[in-house]
């Protein structure tokens, strides 16, 4: 008779209940939990679900939603990329809900996904101010708040990314990354910066 739902932030409870409504009124003993979970997991924005029977007439639903890390456009349709590299069709509600950087290039690689995962797991504050990502040959440019541009290469060892994270950690007590007009980390053993003009 009752469905208790937890863990959902974007997916509406009514949507979850709609997926399960054909089973409402059934005896708890007759419910096929695995089938219910499979039906929920078919939702584009649900990564995983867990359902528990609570006697006498309640089911508890735990939802784990997808974690988009970027947005891109392909053939006039927007898609999210999640942290495992899966593409998820994006609608206007989802775009307004998930604040993620936009990849302006038509193509992206596994490297970009790994780069974003490294940044997000090590420096969420910096990840949250990335507005746009441009990919040109082997170079990746991040445009962040206040128009700051940061250039790194796509080397498979991710040395540039760790060098960027180290640089962010070094300056954090004295400067903000947006105090710079650009930061170029593509030259080995160098960091080239230009500061924004002070008003």
N, C-alpha and C. Protein backbone atom coordinates (compact mmCIF):
# COMPACT_ATOMS: atom_id res chain seq x y z
N UNK A 1 0.82 -1.20 0.00
CA UNK A 1 0.00 0.00 0.00
C UNK A 1 0.86 1.26 0.00
N UNK A 2 2.04 1.17 0.61
CA UNK A 2 2.86 2.37 0.78
C UNK A 2 4.23 2.17 0.15
N UNK A 3 4.73 3.21 -0.53
CA UNK A 3 6.07 3.20 -1.12
C UNK A 3 6.86 4.35 -0.50
N UNK A 4 7.92 4.03 0.22
CA UNK A 4 8.82 5.04 0.79
C UNK A 4 10.06 5.15 -0.10
N UNK A 5 10.36 6.36 -0.55
CA UNK A 5 11.44 6.58 -1.52
C UNK A 5 12.50 7.50 -0.94
N UNK A 6 13.77 7.11 -1.07
CA UNK A 6 14.88 7.93 -0.60
C UNK A 6 16.00 7.94 -1.64
N UNK A 7 16.81 9.01 -1.60
CA UNK A 7 18.01 9.07 -2.44
C UNK A 7 17.82 9.81 -3.75
N UNK A 8 16.58 10.15 -4.09
CA UNK A 8 16.34 10.86 -5.35
C UNK A 8 16.42 12.37 -5.14
N UNK A 9 17.13 13.03 -6.04
CA UNK A 9 17.20 14.49 -6.04
C UNK A 9 16.57 15.09 -7.29
N UNK A 10 16.87 14.46 -8.43
CA UNK A 10 16.32 14.96 -9.70
C UNK A 10 15.05 14.20 -10.10
N UNK A 11 15.10 12.89 -10.04
CA UNK A 11 13.94 12.08 -10.45
C UNK A 11 12.82 12.28 -9.43
N UNK A 12 11.66 12.68 -9.93
CA UNK A 12 10.52 12.97 -9.06
C UNK A 12 9.94 11.68 -8.46
N UNK A 13 9.49 11.79 -7.21
CA UNK A 13 8.89 10.62 -6.54
C UNK A 13 7.70 10.08 -7.33
N UNK A 14 6.91 10.99 -7.92
CA UNK A 14 5.75 10.56 -8.70
C UNK A 14 6.17 9.71 -9.90
N UNK A 15 7.33 10.06 -10.52
CA UNK A 15 7.82 9.25 -11.65
C UNK A 15 8.18 7.84 -11.20
N UNK A 16 8.80 7.76 -10.02
CA UNK A 16 9.18 6.46 -9.49
C UNK A 16 7.94 5.64 -9.15
N UNK A 17 6.96 6.31 -8.54
CA UNK A 17 5.71 5.61 -8.20
C UNK A 17 4.96 5.15 -9.45
N UNK A 18 5.03 5.96 -10.53
CA UNK A 18 4.39 5.57 -11.79
C UNK A 18 4.99 4.29 -12.35
N UNK A 19 6.33 4.16 -12.22
CA UNK A 19 7.00 2.96 -12.72
C UNK A 19 6.54 1.73 -11.92
N UNK A 20 6.26 1.94 -10.64
CA UNK A 20 5.92 0.81 -9.76
C UNK A 20 4.41 0.62 -9.58
N UNK A 21 3.59 1.50 -10.17
CA UNK A 21 2.16 1.50 -9.84
C UNK A 21 1.44 0.21 -10.23
N UNK A 22 1.93 -0.47 -11.29
CA UNK A 22 1.23 -1.69 -11.71
C UNK A 22 1.33 -2.80 -10.65
N UNK A 23 2.27 -2.64 -9.72
CA UNK A 23 2.45 -3.65 -8.68
C UNK A 23 1.73 -3.27 -7.39
N UNK A 24 1.23 -2.03 -7.31
CA UNK A 24 0.58 -1.58 -6.08
C UNK A 24 -0.69 -2.39 -5.84
N UNK A 25 -0.88 -2.77 -4.59
CA UNK A 25 -2.04 -3.60 -4.26
C UNK A 25 -1.71 -5.07 -4.23
N UNK A 26 -0.54 -5.45 -4.77
CA UNK A 26 -0.12 -6.85 -4.72
C UNK A 26 0.36 -7.20 -3.32
N UNK A 27 0.31 -8.47 -3.01
CA UNK A 27 0.86 -8.94 -1.74
C UNK A 27 2.38 -8.79 -1.76
N UNK A 28 2.95 -8.42 -0.61
CA UNK A 28 4.41 -8.29 -0.53
C UNK A 28 5.09 -9.60 -0.90
N UNK A 29 4.48 -10.72 -0.51
CA UNK A 29 5.09 -12.03 -0.78
C UNK A 29 5.18 -12.33 -2.28
N UNK A 30 4.30 -11.72 -3.07
CA UNK A 30 4.27 -12.01 -4.51
C UNK A 30 5.13 -11.05 -5.33
N UNK A 31 5.66 -10.00 -4.69
CA UNK A 31 6.46 -9.02 -5.43
C UNK A 31 7.81 -9.61 -5.83
N UNK A 32 8.16 -9.40 -7.10
CA UNK A 32 9.48 -9.82 -7.60
C UNK A 32 10.41 -8.62 -7.52
N UNK A 33 11.18 -8.56 -6.45
CA UNK A 33 12.02 -7.39 -6.17
C UNK A 33 12.99 -7.10 -7.31
N UNK A 34 13.63 -8.14 -7.84
CA UNK A 34 14.61 -7.94 -8.92
C UNK A 34 13.96 -7.31 -10.15
N UNK A 35 12.75 -7.73 -10.45
CA UNK A 35 12.03 -7.18 -11.60
C UNK A 35 11.69 -5.71 -11.36
N UNK A 36 11.27 -5.38 -10.13
CA UNK A 36 10.98 -3.99 -9.79
C UNK A 36 12.23 -3.13 -9.95
N UNK A 37 13.35 -3.62 -9.45
CA UNK A 37 14.61 -2.88 -9.55
C UNK A 37 15.03 -2.68 -11.00
N UNK A 38 14.85 -3.72 -11.82
CA UNK A 38 15.18 -3.61 -13.25
C UNK A 38 14.33 -2.55 -13.93
N UNK A 39 13.06 -2.49 -13.60
CA UNK A 39 12.17 -1.48 -14.18
C UNK A 39 12.62 -0.08 -13.80
N UNK A 40 13.01 0.11 -12.54
CA UNK A 40 13.50 1.42 -12.10
C UNK A 40 14.81 1.77 -12.79
N UNK A 41 15.70 0.79 -12.90
CA UNK A 41 17.03 1.05 -13.46
C UNK A 41 17.00 1.36 -14.95
N UNK A 42 15.85 1.11 -15.60
CA UNK A 42 15.70 1.47 -17.01
C UNK A 42 15.50 2.98 -17.20
N UNK A 43 15.21 3.68 -16.10
CA UNK A 43 15.07 5.14 -16.17
C UNK A 43 16.43 5.76 -16.46
N UNK A 44 16.47 6.72 -17.39
CA UNK A 44 17.73 7.30 -17.85
C UNK A 44 18.56 7.90 -16.72
N UNK A 45 17.91 8.43 -15.70
CA UNK A 45 18.64 9.14 -14.65
C UNK A 45 18.79 8.34 -13.35
N UNK A 46 18.40 7.07 -13.39
CA UNK A 46 18.61 6.20 -12.24
C UNK A 46 19.74 5.23 -12.56
N UNK A 47 20.81 5.32 -11.80
CA UNK A 47 21.98 4.45 -12.01
C UNK A 47 21.75 3.09 -11.37
N UNK A 48 21.17 3.09 -10.17
CA UNK A 48 20.92 1.83 -9.46
C UNK A 48 19.80 2.06 -8.45
N UNK A 49 19.15 0.96 -8.09
CA UNK A 49 18.09 1.04 -7.08
C UNK A 49 18.13 -0.20 -6.21
N UNK A 50 17.62 -0.04 -5.01
CA UNK A 50 17.52 -1.17 -4.08
C UNK A 50 16.15 -1.10 -3.42
N UNK A 51 15.44 -2.21 -3.44
CA UNK A 51 14.09 -2.25 -2.87
C UNK A 51 14.05 -3.26 -1.72
N UNK A 52 13.41 -2.83 -0.62
CA UNK A 52 13.27 -3.69 0.55
C UNK A 52 11.79 -3.83 0.89
N UNK A 53 11.41 -5.03 1.33
CA UNK A 53 10.06 -5.25 1.83
C UNK A 53 10.03 -4.91 3.32
N UNK A 54 9.03 -4.13 3.71
CA UNK A 54 8.85 -3.79 5.12
C UNK A 54 7.44 -4.23 5.51
N UNK A 55 7.38 -5.25 6.32
CA UNK A 55 6.07 -5.78 6.72
C UNK A 55 5.30 -4.75 7.56
N UNK A 56 3.96 -4.66 7.45
CA UNK A 56 3.12 -5.61 6.71
C UNK A 56 2.85 -5.21 5.25
N UNK A 57 2.94 -3.91 4.90
CA UNK A 57 2.48 -3.53 3.55
C UNK A 57 3.26 -2.34 2.97
N UNK A 58 4.56 -2.28 3.23
CA UNK A 58 5.38 -1.16 2.76
C UNK A 58 6.56 -1.70 1.96
N UNK A 59 6.91 -0.98 0.88
CA UNK A 59 8.21 -1.24 0.25
C UNK A 59 9.03 0.04 0.34
N UNK A 60 10.30 -0.13 0.66
CA UNK A 60 11.24 0.99 0.75
C UNK A 60 12.13 0.96 -0.48
N UNK A 61 12.28 2.11 -1.13
CA UNK A 61 13.05 2.21 -2.37
C UNK A 61 14.23 3.17 -2.16
N UNK A 62 15.43 2.66 -2.38
CA UNK A 62 16.66 3.49 -2.31
C UNK A 62 17.12 3.74 -3.74
N UNK A 63 17.27 5.01 -4.10
CA UNK A 63 17.64 5.40 -5.46
C UNK A 63 19.05 5.96 -5.48
N UNK A 64 19.84 5.52 -6.45
CA UNK A 64 21.13 6.16 -6.73
C UNK A 64 21.05 6.73 -8.14
N UNK A 65 21.11 8.06 -8.23
CA UNK A 65 20.97 8.71 -9.54
C UNK A 65 22.31 8.76 -10.27
N UNK A 66 22.24 9.00 -11.57
CA UNK A 66 23.45 9.14 -12.38
C UNK A 66 24.19 10.41 -11.94
N UNK A 67 25.49 10.47 -12.26
CA UNK A 67 26.32 11.63 -11.91
C UNK A 67 26.90 12.25 -13.17
N UNK A 68 26.15 13.14 -13.84
CA UNK A 68 26.70 13.78 -15.04
C UNK A 68 27.93 14.62 -14.69
N UNK A 69 28.93 14.60 -15.57
CA UNK A 69 30.12 15.43 -15.34
C UNK A 69 30.30 16.47 -16.44
N UNK A 70 29.56 16.34 -17.54
CA UNK A 70 29.68 17.32 -18.63
C UNK A 70 28.45 17.22 -19.53
N UNK A 71 28.28 18.25 -20.37
CA UNK A 71 27.16 18.33 -21.31
C UNK A 71 27.73 18.63 -22.69
N UNK A 72 27.19 17.98 -23.73
CA UNK A 72 27.63 18.30 -25.09
C UNK A 72 26.44 18.21 -26.05
N UNK A 73 26.61 18.80 -27.22
CA UNK A 73 25.54 18.80 -28.24
C UNK A 73 25.98 17.96 -29.42
N UNK A 74 25.05 17.19 -29.94
CA UNK A 74 25.31 16.39 -31.14
C UNK A 74 24.03 16.34 -31.97
N UNK A 75 24.09 16.82 -33.21
CA UNK A 75 22.92 16.83 -34.10
C UNK A 75 21.70 17.49 -33.46
N UNK A 76 21.93 18.69 -32.90
CA UNK A 76 20.87 19.49 -32.28
C UNK A 76 20.21 18.83 -31.07
N UNK A 77 20.88 17.86 -30.48
CA UNK A 77 20.37 17.21 -29.27
C UNK A 77 21.47 17.28 -28.20
N UNK A 78 21.07 17.62 -26.99
CA UNK A 78 22.02 17.70 -25.88
C UNK A 78 22.10 16.37 -25.14
N UNK A 79 23.33 16.04 -24.72
CA UNK A 79 23.57 14.82 -23.95
C UNK A 79 24.49 15.13 -22.77
N UNK A 80 24.21 14.46 -21.66
CA UNK A 80 25.16 14.45 -20.56
C UNK A 80 26.13 13.29 -20.76
N UNK A 81 27.32 13.44 -20.19
CA UNK A 81 28.23 12.32 -20.03
C UNK A 81 28.31 12.06 -18.53
N UNK A 82 28.15 10.80 -18.13
CA UNK A 82 28.30 10.53 -16.70
C UNK A 82 29.75 10.17 -16.39
N UNK A 83 30.04 9.91 -15.12
CA UNK A 83 31.43 9.70 -14.72
C UNK A 83 32.02 8.39 -15.22
N UNK A 84 31.19 7.56 -15.89
CA UNK A 84 31.71 6.34 -16.49
C UNK A 84 31.75 6.43 -18.02
N UNK A 85 31.40 7.61 -18.55
CA UNK A 85 31.48 7.82 -19.99
C UNK A 85 30.21 7.49 -20.76
N UNK A 86 29.12 7.21 -20.06
CA UNK A 86 27.85 6.93 -20.74
C UNK A 86 27.17 8.22 -21.16
N UNK A 87 26.52 8.20 -22.31
CA UNK A 87 25.75 9.35 -22.79
C UNK A 87 24.30 9.23 -22.33
N UNK A 88 23.76 10.34 -21.83
CA UNK A 88 22.38 10.37 -21.34
C UNK A 88 21.68 11.55 -22.00
N UNK A 89 20.59 11.26 -22.69
CA UNK A 89 19.84 12.32 -23.36
C UNK A 89 19.37 13.35 -22.33
N UNK A 90 19.61 14.63 -22.62
CA UNK A 90 19.31 15.69 -21.66
C UNK A 90 18.09 16.49 -22.09
N UNK A 91 17.16 16.70 -21.16
CA UNK A 91 16.03 17.59 -21.43
C UNK A 91 16.25 18.90 -20.66
N UNK A 92 15.37 19.85 -20.84
CA UNK A 92 15.56 21.18 -20.25
C UNK A 92 15.54 21.13 -18.73
N UNK A 93 14.70 20.25 -18.15
CA UNK A 93 14.66 20.13 -16.69
C UNK A 93 15.99 19.62 -16.14
N UNK A 94 16.55 18.63 -16.82
CA UNK A 94 17.83 18.06 -16.38
C UNK A 94 18.96 19.07 -16.55
N UNK A 95 18.96 19.81 -17.66
CA UNK A 95 20.00 20.82 -17.89
C UNK A 95 19.95 21.90 -16.81
N UNK A 96 18.74 22.27 -16.39
CA UNK A 96 18.60 23.27 -15.34
C UNK A 96 18.99 22.72 -13.96
N UNK A 97 18.86 21.41 -13.79
CA UNK A 97 19.15 20.79 -12.48
C UNK A 97 20.63 20.51 -12.28
N UNK A 98 21.26 19.91 -13.30
CA UNK A 98 22.66 19.49 -13.16
C UNK A 98 23.58 20.61 -13.68
N UNK A 99 24.38 21.16 -12.78
CA UNK A 99 25.30 22.22 -13.16
C UNK A 99 26.65 21.58 -13.54
N UNK A 100 26.86 21.41 -14.84
CA UNK A 100 28.08 20.76 -15.33
C UNK A 100 28.69 21.59 -16.46
N UNK A 101 29.99 21.45 -16.70
CA UNK A 101 30.60 22.19 -17.81
C UNK A 101 30.11 21.69 -19.16
N UNK A 102 30.19 22.58 -20.15
CA UNK A 102 29.78 22.25 -21.53
C UNK A 102 31.02 21.94 -22.35
N UNK A 103 31.00 20.81 -23.05
CA UNK A 103 32.06 20.50 -24.00
C UNK A 103 31.62 21.08 -25.34
N UNK A 104 32.36 22.07 -25.83
CA UNK A 104 31.91 22.76 -27.05
C UNK A 104 32.34 22.05 -28.32
N UNK A 105 33.25 21.07 -28.22
CA UNK A 105 33.67 20.32 -29.40
C UNK A 105 32.65 19.23 -29.70
N UNK A 106 32.64 18.78 -30.95
CA UNK A 106 31.71 17.74 -31.35
C UNK A 106 32.10 16.36 -30.86
N UNK A 107 33.36 16.21 -30.50
CA UNK A 107 33.82 14.90 -30.05
C UNK A 107 34.51 15.02 -28.70
N UNK A 108 34.48 13.96 -27.96
CA UNK A 108 35.20 13.91 -26.69
C UNK A 108 35.80 12.51 -26.55
N UNK A 109 36.81 12.42 -25.74
CA UNK A 109 37.52 11.16 -25.60
C UNK A 109 37.42 10.66 -24.17
N UNK A 110 37.83 9.42 -23.99
CA UNK A 110 37.89 8.84 -22.64
C UNK A 110 38.81 9.67 -21.76
N UNK A 111 39.86 10.26 -22.39
CA UNK A 111 40.78 11.11 -21.63
C UNK A 111 40.05 12.27 -20.94
N UNK A 112 39.14 12.91 -21.68
CA UNK A 112 38.40 14.05 -21.12
C UNK A 112 37.58 13.61 -19.91
N UNK A 113 36.94 12.46 -20.02
CA UNK A 113 36.14 11.93 -18.92
C UNK A 113 37.03 11.68 -17.71
N UNK A 114 38.19 11.06 -17.95
CA UNK A 114 39.12 10.80 -16.85
C UNK A 114 39.65 12.09 -16.24
N UNK A 115 39.95 13.08 -17.09
CA UNK A 115 40.43 14.38 -16.61
C UNK A 115 39.39 15.02 -15.69
N UNK A 116 38.13 15.02 -16.12
CA UNK A 116 37.07 15.63 -15.30
C UNK A 116 36.86 14.86 -14.00
N UNK A 117 36.96 13.54 -14.07
CA UNK A 117 36.83 12.74 -12.84
C UNK A 117 37.95 13.04 -11.85
N UNK A 118 39.17 13.20 -12.36
CA UNK A 118 40.31 13.52 -11.50
C UNK A 118 40.11 14.89 -10.85
N UNK A 119 39.70 15.87 -11.65
CA UNK A 119 39.49 17.22 -11.12
C UNK A 119 38.38 17.22 -10.08
N UNK A 120 37.26 16.59 -10.41
CA UNK A 120 36.10 16.61 -9.51
C UNK A 120 36.40 15.92 -8.18
N UNK A 121 37.15 14.81 -8.23
CA UNK A 121 37.43 14.07 -7.00
C UNK A 121 38.50 14.74 -6.15
N UNK A 122 39.36 15.59 -6.76
CA UNK A 122 40.45 16.22 -6.02
C UNK A 122 40.20 17.68 -5.67
N UNK A 123 39.37 18.37 -6.48
CA UNK A 123 39.13 19.79 -6.22
C UNK A 123 37.74 20.17 -6.74
N UNK A 124 36.73 19.87 -5.94
CA UNK A 124 35.34 20.13 -6.34
C UNK A 124 35.09 21.61 -6.58
N UNK A 125 35.74 22.46 -5.77
CA UNK A 125 35.55 23.90 -5.91
C UNK A 125 35.97 24.37 -7.31
N UNK A 126 37.10 23.88 -7.80
CA UNK A 126 37.55 24.25 -9.14
C UNK A 126 36.63 23.66 -10.20
N UNK A 127 36.27 22.38 -10.05
CA UNK A 127 35.37 21.75 -11.02
C UNK A 127 34.08 22.57 -11.18
N UNK A 128 33.56 23.08 -10.06
CA UNK A 128 32.28 23.80 -10.09
C UNK A 128 32.33 25.14 -10.81
N UNK A 129 33.54 25.67 -11.07
CA UNK A 129 33.61 26.95 -11.79
C UNK A 129 34.04 26.77 -13.25
N UNK A 130 34.16 25.52 -13.70
CA UNK A 130 34.45 25.28 -15.12
C UNK A 130 33.15 25.48 -15.91
N UNK A 131 33.16 26.43 -16.84
CA UNK A 131 31.97 26.71 -17.64
C UNK A 131 31.98 25.97 -18.98
N UNK A 132 33.15 25.96 -19.62
CA UNK A 132 33.23 25.40 -20.97
C UNK A 132 34.56 24.69 -21.17
N UNK A 133 34.52 23.63 -21.99
CA UNK A 133 35.72 22.87 -22.31
C UNK A 133 35.86 22.82 -23.83
N UNK A 134 37.02 23.23 -24.33
CA UNK A 134 37.29 23.17 -25.77
C UNK A 134 38.43 22.20 -26.00
N UNK A 135 38.25 21.32 -26.98
CA UNK A 135 39.27 20.32 -27.30
C UNK A 135 39.81 20.61 -28.70
N UNK A 136 41.11 20.84 -28.78
CA UNK A 136 41.76 21.10 -30.07
C UNK A 136 43.01 20.24 -30.15
N UNK A 137 42.98 19.28 -31.07
CA UNK A 137 44.09 18.33 -31.22
C UNK A 137 44.39 17.68 -29.86
N UNK A 138 45.57 17.95 -29.32
CA UNK A 138 45.93 17.33 -28.04
C UNK A 138 45.79 18.28 -26.86
N UNK A 139 45.22 19.46 -27.11
CA UNK A 139 45.10 20.48 -26.07
C UNK A 139 43.66 20.61 -25.59
N UNK A 140 43.50 20.75 -24.28
CA UNK A 140 42.20 20.99 -23.68
C UNK A 140 42.23 22.35 -23.00
N UNK A 141 41.24 23.19 -23.32
CA UNK A 141 41.14 24.51 -22.70
C UNK A 141 39.90 24.56 -21.82
N UNK A 142 40.10 24.97 -20.57
CA UNK A 142 38.99 25.17 -19.64
C UNK A 142 38.71 26.67 -19.54
N UNK A 143 37.48 27.07 -19.82
CA UNK A 143 37.09 28.45 -19.55
C UNK A 143 36.32 28.45 -18.24
N UNK A 144 36.81 29.24 -17.28
CA UNK A 144 36.18 29.25 -15.98
C UNK A 144 35.60 30.64 -15.70
N UNK A 145 35.11 30.84 -14.49
CA UNK A 145 34.51 32.13 -14.12
C UNK A 145 35.45 33.29 -14.42
N UNK A 146 34.86 34.44 -14.74
CA UNK A 146 35.58 35.68 -15.05
C UNK A 146 36.43 35.58 -16.31
N UNK A 147 36.15 34.55 -17.14
CA UNK A 147 36.82 34.45 -18.44
C UNK A 147 38.22 33.87 -18.41
N UNK A 148 38.67 33.38 -17.28
CA UNK A 148 40.00 32.77 -17.18
C UNK A 148 40.08 31.53 -18.05
N UNK A 149 41.18 31.41 -18.81
CA UNK A 149 41.42 30.24 -19.67
C UNK A 149 42.59 29.44 -19.10
N UNK A 150 42.40 28.14 -18.99
CA UNK A 150 43.47 27.24 -18.53
C UNK A 150 43.68 26.18 -19.60
N UNK A 151 44.95 26.05 -20.04
CA UNK A 151 45.28 25.09 -21.10
C UNK A 151 46.12 23.95 -20.53
N UNK A 152 45.70 22.73 -20.85
CA UNK A 152 46.45 21.53 -20.49
C UNK A 152 46.51 20.62 -21.71
N UNK A 153 47.43 19.65 -21.69
CA UNK A 153 47.41 18.68 -22.78
C UNK A 153 46.69 17.42 -22.32
N UNK A 154 46.40 16.54 -23.28
CA UNK A 154 45.63 15.33 -22.99
C UNK A 154 46.52 14.13 -22.77
N UNK A 155 47.71 14.32 -22.27
CA UNK A 155 48.64 13.21 -22.10
C UNK A 155 47.99 12.10 -21.26
N UNK A 156 48.19 10.85 -21.67
CA UNK A 156 47.54 9.73 -20.97
C UNK A 156 48.01 9.54 -19.53
N UNK A 157 49.14 10.15 -19.16
CA UNK A 157 49.60 10.02 -17.77
C UNK A 157 49.00 11.11 -16.87
N UNK A 158 48.27 12.07 -17.48
CA UNK A 158 47.57 13.13 -16.74
C UNK A 158 48.49 14.00 -15.90
N UNK A 159 49.78 14.09 -16.30
CA UNK A 159 50.73 14.93 -15.57
C UNK A 159 50.27 16.38 -15.50
N UNK A 160 49.73 16.89 -16.62
CA UNK A 160 49.26 18.28 -16.67
C UNK A 160 48.14 18.54 -15.66
N UNK A 161 47.27 17.56 -15.48
CA UNK A 161 46.15 17.73 -14.56
C UNK A 161 46.65 17.78 -13.13
N UNK A 162 47.58 16.88 -12.81
CA UNK A 162 48.13 16.90 -11.45
C UNK A 162 48.97 18.16 -11.21
N UNK A 163 49.62 18.65 -12.28
CA UNK A 163 50.36 19.91 -12.17
C UNK A 163 49.40 21.07 -11.92
N UNK A 164 48.24 21.05 -12.58
CA UNK A 164 47.21 22.07 -12.37
C UNK A 164 46.69 22.02 -10.93
N UNK A 165 46.39 20.82 -10.45
CA UNK A 165 45.88 20.66 -9.09
C UNK A 165 46.91 21.14 -8.06
N UNK A 166 48.17 20.85 -8.33
CA UNK A 166 49.24 21.30 -7.44
C UNK A 166 49.35 22.83 -7.45
N UNK A 167 49.21 23.43 -8.64
CA UNK A 167 49.26 24.88 -8.79
C UNK A 167 48.10 25.53 -8.02
N UNK A 168 46.91 24.96 -8.15
CA UNK A 168 45.74 25.49 -7.43
C UNK A 168 45.97 25.43 -5.92
N UNK A 169 46.58 24.35 -5.47
CA UNK A 169 46.85 24.20 -4.04
C UNK A 169 47.90 25.20 -3.56
N UNK A 170 48.88 25.49 -4.42
CA UNK A 170 49.96 26.42 -4.07
C UNK A 170 49.45 27.84 -3.91
N UNK A 171 48.53 28.26 -4.78
CA UNK A 171 48.09 29.67 -4.77
C UNK A 171 46.91 29.93 -3.85
N UNK A 172 46.29 28.87 -3.31
CA UNK A 172 44.98 29.04 -2.66
C UNK A 172 44.98 30.03 -1.49
N UNK A 173 46.10 30.20 -0.81
CA UNK A 173 46.12 31.11 0.33
C UNK A 173 46.38 32.57 -0.05
N UNK A 174 46.86 32.80 -1.28
CA UNK A 174 47.22 34.15 -1.70
C UNK A 174 46.39 34.69 -2.87
N UNK A 175 46.00 33.80 -3.76
CA UNK A 175 45.29 34.23 -4.97
C UNK A 175 44.15 33.28 -5.28
N UNK A 176 43.26 33.77 -6.12
CA UNK A 176 42.22 32.93 -6.67
C UNK A 176 42.59 32.65 -8.12
N UNK A 177 42.21 31.49 -8.63
CA UNK A 177 42.56 31.15 -10.02
C UNK A 177 41.98 32.17 -10.99
N UNK A 178 40.86 32.81 -10.63
CA UNK A 178 40.26 33.80 -11.51
C UNK A 178 41.01 35.13 -11.51
N UNK A 179 42.06 35.25 -10.67
CA UNK A 179 42.93 36.43 -10.72
C UNK A 179 43.82 36.41 -11.96
N UNK A 180 43.85 35.26 -12.63
CA UNK A 180 44.69 35.11 -13.83
C UNK A 180 43.84 35.18 -15.08
N UNK A 181 44.39 35.80 -16.12
CA UNK A 181 43.71 35.85 -17.42
C UNK A 181 43.83 34.50 -18.10
N UNK A 182 45.04 33.93 -18.05
CA UNK A 182 45.20 32.56 -18.54
C UNK A 182 46.33 31.87 -17.80
N UNK A 183 46.25 30.53 -17.82
CA UNK A 183 47.28 29.67 -17.24
C UNK A 183 47.55 28.59 -18.28
N UNK A 184 48.80 28.48 -18.71
CA UNK A 184 49.19 27.51 -19.73
C UNK A 184 50.13 26.47 -19.11
N UNK A 185 49.65 25.23 -19.09
CA UNK A 185 50.47 24.15 -18.51
C UNK A 185 50.94 23.15 -19.56
N UNK A 186 50.85 23.53 -20.83
CA UNK A 186 51.16 22.59 -21.91
C UNK A 186 52.66 22.45 -22.17
N UNK A 187 53.47 23.36 -21.63
CA UNK A 187 54.92 23.30 -21.85
C UNK A 187 55.57 22.54 -20.69
N UNK A 188 56.34 21.50 -20.99
CA UNK A 188 56.92 20.68 -19.92
C UNK A 188 57.73 21.52 -18.92
N UNK A 189 57.53 21.22 -17.65
CA UNK A 189 58.28 21.83 -16.54
C UNK A 189 58.09 23.35 -16.42
N UNK A 190 57.01 23.86 -17.03
CA UNK A 190 56.74 25.29 -16.94
C UNK A 190 55.25 25.53 -16.71
N UNK A 191 54.97 26.64 -16.05
CA UNK A 191 53.60 27.14 -15.94
C UNK A 191 53.64 28.60 -16.36
N UNK A 192 52.96 28.91 -17.45
CA UNK A 192 52.94 30.28 -17.96
C UNK A 192 51.62 30.92 -17.56
N UNK A 193 51.70 32.07 -16.90
CA UNK A 193 50.48 32.73 -16.43
C UNK A 193 50.48 34.19 -16.84
N UNK A 194 49.29 34.74 -16.97
CA UNK A 194 49.12 36.17 -17.16
C UNK A 194 48.01 36.63 -16.23
N UNK A 195 48.30 37.61 -15.39
CA UNK A 195 47.31 38.06 -14.42
C UNK A 195 46.30 39.00 -15.07
N UNK A 196 45.08 38.95 -14.54
CA UNK A 196 44.06 39.91 -14.95
C UNK A 196 44.46 41.30 -14.45
N UNK A 197 44.14 42.32 -15.22
CA UNK A 197 44.40 43.68 -14.78
C UNK A 197 43.49 44.02 -13.63
N UNK A 198 44.05 44.63 -12.61
CA UNK A 198 43.26 45.06 -11.46
C UNK A 198 42.55 46.36 -11.77
N UNK A 199 41.30 46.46 -11.36
CA UNK A 199 40.51 47.69 -11.59
C UNK A 199 40.76 48.65 -10.46
